[in-house]
Amino acid sequence: MYRTKASNIDVLFRAAKTRAGLSGCVWHDTRHTAATWIGSTGRLNLMEFCKMFGWRDPRHAMIYFNPTASDLAGKL
């Protein structure tokens, strides 16, 4: 298993961002995007979703998970 030190994550993220040609993207954006993608699958219940992201308060899910109108309409 590959492990990296917390101090190197910023350096690795910046290098990956440069290689991908991205600008204006911050580490926090990746968490928001991942939460939206994973949440839209519907495979996890709310508590599992919160546990996966390390949130103790389910209100965090409402901040990070942004379903589209079509996602919500499809569930009706």
N, C-alpha and C. Protein backbone atom coordinates (compact mmCIF):
# COMPACT_ATOMS: atom_id res chain seq x y z
N MET A 1 0.84 -1.17 0.00
CA MET A 1 0.00 0.00 0.00
C MET A 1 0.89 1.24 0.00
N TYR A 2 0.54 2.19 -0.85
CA TYR A 2 1.29 3.43 -0.93
C TYR A 2 0.75 4.41 0.11
N ARG A 3 1.63 4.96 0.91
CA ARG A 3 1.23 5.96 1.90
C ARG A 3 2.03 7.23 1.66
N THR A 4 1.41 8.34 1.92
CA THR A 4 2.10 9.62 1.78
C THR A 4 1.91 10.42 3.06
N LYS A 5 2.85 11.24 3.35
CA LYS A 5 2.76 12.09 4.54
C LYS A 5 1.79 13.24 4.25
N ALA A 6 1.09 13.67 5.28
CA ALA A 6 0.15 14.77 5.14
C ALA A 6 0.83 16.01 4.59
N SER A 7 2.08 16.21 4.95
CA SER A 7 2.81 17.40 4.48
C SER A 7 3.05 17.38 2.98
N ASN A 8 3.00 16.21 2.36
CA ASN A 8 3.26 16.10 0.92
C ASN A 8 1.99 16.19 0.08
N ILE A 9 0.83 16.09 0.70
CA ILE A 9 -0.42 16.08 -0.07
C ILE A 9 -0.58 17.37 -0.87
N ASP A 10 -0.28 18.51 -0.26
CA ASP A 10 -0.41 19.78 -0.97
C ASP A 10 0.51 19.82 -2.18
N VAL A 11 1.73 19.37 -2.02
CA VAL A 11 2.70 19.37 -3.12
C VAL A 11 2.21 18.45 -4.24
N LEU A 12 1.73 17.28 -3.89
CA LEU A 12 1.25 16.33 -4.89
C LEU A 12 0.01 16.85 -5.60
N PHE A 13 -0.90 17.48 -4.85
CA PHE A 13 -2.10 18.03 -5.45
C PHE A 13 -1.76 19.14 -6.43
N ARG A 14 -0.86 20.03 -6.04
CA ARG A 14 -0.47 21.13 -6.93
C ARG A 14 0.19 20.61 -8.21
N ALA A 15 1.00 19.58 -8.07
CA ALA A 15 1.66 19.00 -9.24
C ALA A 15 0.64 18.35 -10.18
N ALA A 16 -0.32 17.62 -9.61
CA ALA A 16 -1.36 16.98 -10.41
C ALA A 16 -2.23 18.03 -11.11
N LYS A 17 -2.51 19.10 -10.40
CA LYS A 17 -3.32 20.18 -10.96
C LYS A 17 -2.60 20.82 -12.15
N THR A 18 -1.31 21.01 -12.02
CA THR A 18 -0.52 21.58 -13.11
C THR A 18 -0.51 20.65 -14.31
N ARG A 19 -0.27 19.35 -14.05
CA ARG A 19 -0.26 18.36 -15.14
C ARG A 19 -1.60 18.30 -15.86
N ALA A 20 -2.70 18.47 -15.12
CA ALA A 20 -4.03 18.41 -15.71
C ALA A 20 -4.43 19.72 -16.38
N GLY A 21 -3.63 20.76 -16.19
CA GLY A 21 -3.93 22.05 -16.80
C GLY A 21 -5.08 22.78 -16.12
N LEU A 22 -5.27 22.52 -14.84
CA LEU A 22 -6.35 23.15 -14.08
C LEU A 22 -5.83 24.38 -13.35
N SER A 23 -6.65 25.39 -13.30
CA SER A 23 -6.30 26.56 -12.50
C SER A 23 -7.53 26.98 -11.72
N GLY A 24 -7.33 27.56 -10.58
CA GLY A 24 -8.45 28.01 -9.75
C GLY A 24 -9.12 26.89 -8.98
N CYS A 25 -8.59 25.71 -9.05
CA CYS A 25 -9.15 24.56 -8.34
C CYS A 25 -8.38 24.38 -7.02
N VAL A 26 -9.10 24.16 -5.95
CA VAL A 26 -8.46 23.94 -4.65
C VAL A 26 -8.82 22.55 -4.15
N TRP A 27 -8.09 22.06 -3.16
CA TRP A 27 -8.29 20.72 -2.61
C TRP A 27 -9.73 20.53 -2.16
N HIS A 28 -10.31 21.56 -1.57
CA HIS A 28 -11.68 21.49 -1.07
C HIS A 28 -12.67 21.18 -2.19
N ASP A 29 -12.40 21.65 -3.40
CA ASP A 29 -13.28 21.38 -4.54
C ASP A 29 -13.38 19.89 -4.83
N THR A 30 -12.29 19.17 -4.62
CA THR A 30 -12.31 17.73 -4.90
C THR A 30 -13.25 17.01 -3.95
N ARG A 31 -13.30 17.44 -2.70
CA ARG A 31 -14.20 16.82 -1.72
C ARG A 31 -15.66 17.08 -2.11
N HIS A 32 -15.95 18.29 -2.52
CA HIS A 32 -17.30 18.66 -2.93
C HIS A 32 -17.73 17.83 -4.15
N THR A 33 -16.86 17.71 -5.12
CA THR A 33 -17.15 16.94 -6.32
C THR A 33 -17.35 15.47 -6.00
N ALA A 34 -16.48 14.91 -5.17
CA ALA A 34 -16.60 13.50 -4.79
C ALA A 34 -17.91 13.25 -4.06
N ALA A 35 -18.29 14.13 -3.15
CA ALA A 35 -19.54 13.96 -2.41
C ALA A 35 -20.74 13.99 -3.34
N THR A 36 -20.71 14.88 -4.31
CA THR A 36 -21.82 14.96 -5.26
C THR A 36 -21.89 13.71 -6.12
N TRP A 37 -20.76 13.24 -6.63
CA TRP A 37 -20.75 12.03 -7.46
C TRP A 37 -21.19 10.81 -6.66
N ILE A 38 -20.61 10.62 -5.49
CA ILE A 38 -20.93 9.44 -4.69
C ILE A 38 -22.37 9.51 -4.18
N GLY A 39 -22.80 10.69 -3.76
CA GLY A 39 -24.17 10.84 -3.28
C GLY A 39 -25.20 10.58 -4.35
N SER A 40 -24.88 10.92 -5.58
CA SER A 40 -25.85 10.75 -6.67
C SER A 40 -26.05 9.29 -7.05
N THR A 41 -25.15 8.41 -6.62
CA THR A 41 -25.34 6.98 -6.94
C THR A 41 -26.48 6.38 -6.14
N GLY A 42 -26.74 6.95 -4.95
CA GLY A 42 -27.82 6.42 -4.12
C GLY A 42 -27.49 5.10 -3.44
N ARG A 43 -26.25 4.68 -3.50
CA ARG A 43 -25.85 3.39 -2.92
C ARG A 43 -25.66 3.42 -1.41
N LEU A 44 -25.44 4.62 -0.88
CA LEU A 44 -25.21 4.75 0.56
C LEU A 44 -26.39 5.46 1.22
N ASN A 45 -26.76 5.01 2.40
CA ASN A 45 -27.76 5.76 3.14
C ASN A 45 -27.06 6.96 3.77
N LEU A 46 -27.84 7.84 4.37
CA LEU A 46 -27.27 9.09 4.90
C LEU A 46 -26.16 8.84 5.91
N MET A 47 -26.37 7.91 6.82
CA MET A 47 -25.36 7.66 7.85
C MET A 47 -24.08 7.08 7.27
N GLU A 48 -24.20 6.20 6.29
CA GLU A 48 -23.01 5.65 5.63
C GLU A 48 -22.27 6.74 4.86
N PHE A 49 -23.03 7.58 4.20
CA PHE A 49 -22.45 8.69 3.44
C PHE A 49 -21.65 9.61 4.36
N CYS A 50 -22.25 9.97 5.50
CA CYS A 50 -21.57 10.83 6.47
C CYS A 50 -20.33 10.15 7.05
N LYS A 51 -20.44 8.88 7.34
CA LYS A 51 -19.30 8.14 7.90
C LYS A 51 -18.13 8.11 6.91
N MET A 52 -18.45 7.91 5.64
CA MET A 52 -17.41 7.83 4.62
C MET A 52 -16.60 9.13 4.54
N PHE A 53 -17.29 10.27 4.70
CA PHE A 53 -16.60 11.55 4.60
C PHE A 53 -16.14 12.08 5.96
N GLY A 54 -16.44 11.36 7.02
CA GLY A 54 -15.97 11.76 8.34
C GLY A 54 -16.79 12.86 8.98
N TRP A 55 -18.05 12.99 8.58
CA TRP A 55 -18.91 14.03 9.14
C TRP A 55 -19.70 13.47 10.30
N ARG A 56 -19.65 14.16 11.43
CA ARG A 56 -20.45 13.76 12.59
C ARG A 56 -21.86 14.33 12.51
N ASP A 57 -21.98 15.44 11.82
CA ASP A 57 -23.26 16.12 11.70
C ASP A 57 -23.80 15.94 10.28
N PRO A 58 -24.97 15.34 10.11
CA PRO A 58 -25.53 15.12 8.76
C PRO A 58 -25.77 16.41 7.97
N ARG A 59 -25.77 17.55 8.65
CA ARG A 59 -25.95 18.81 7.92
C ARG A 59 -24.81 19.07 6.94
N HIS A 60 -23.66 18.47 7.19
CA HIS A 60 -22.55 18.62 6.25
C HIS A 60 -22.89 18.01 4.89
N ALA A 61 -23.67 16.94 4.91
CA ALA A 61 -24.07 16.32 3.65
C ALA A 61 -24.88 17.30 2.80
N MET A 62 -25.65 18.14 3.44
CA MET A 62 -26.46 19.13 2.72
C MET A 62 -25.59 20.22 2.10
N ILE A 63 -24.42 20.44 2.65
CA ILE A 63 -23.51 21.44 2.11
C ILE A 63 -22.76 20.86 0.91
N TYR A 64 -22.30 19.64 1.04
CA TYR A 64 -21.43 19.05 0.02
C TYR A 64 -22.17 18.36 -1.11
N PHE A 65 -23.29 17.74 -0.82
CA PHE A 65 -24.02 16.99 -1.84
C PHE A 65 -25.02 17.89 -2.53
N ASN A 66 -24.84 18.09 -3.81
CA ASN A 66 -25.71 18.97 -4.58
C ASN A 66 -26.34 18.21 -5.75
N PRO A 67 -27.45 17.53 -5.49
CA PRO A 67 -28.10 16.79 -6.59
C PRO A 67 -28.72 17.77 -7.59
N THR A 68 -28.79 17.34 -8.83
CA THR A 68 -29.43 18.16 -9.86
C THR A 68 -30.94 17.97 -9.76
N ALA A 69 -31.67 18.84 -10.39
CA ALA A 69 -33.13 18.73 -10.40
C ALA A 69 -33.55 17.42 -11.05
N SER A 70 -32.84 17.00 -12.09
CA SER A 70 -33.20 15.73 -12.76
C SER A 70 -32.91 14.54 -11.86
N ASP A 71 -31.86 14.62 -11.01
CA ASP A 71 -31.59 13.53 -10.07
C ASP A 71 -32.76 13.37 -9.10
N LEU A 72 -33.23 14.49 -8.58
CA LEU A 72 -34.34 14.44 -7.64
C LEU A 72 -35.63 14.02 -8.31
N ALA A 73 -35.89 14.49 -9.52
CA ALA A 73 -37.10 14.13 -10.25
C ALA A 73 -37.11 12.63 -10.56
N GLY A 74 -35.93 12.07 -10.83
CA GLY A 74 -35.84 10.64 -11.14
C GLY A 74 -36.20 9.76 -9.95
N LYS A 75 -36.10 10.30 -8.76
CA LYS A 75 -36.42 9.52 -7.56
C LYS A 75 -37.91 9.58 -7.22
N LEU A 76 -38.64 10.48 -7.86
CA LEU A 76 -40.07 10.61 -7.58
C LEU A 76 -40.90 9.57 -8.30
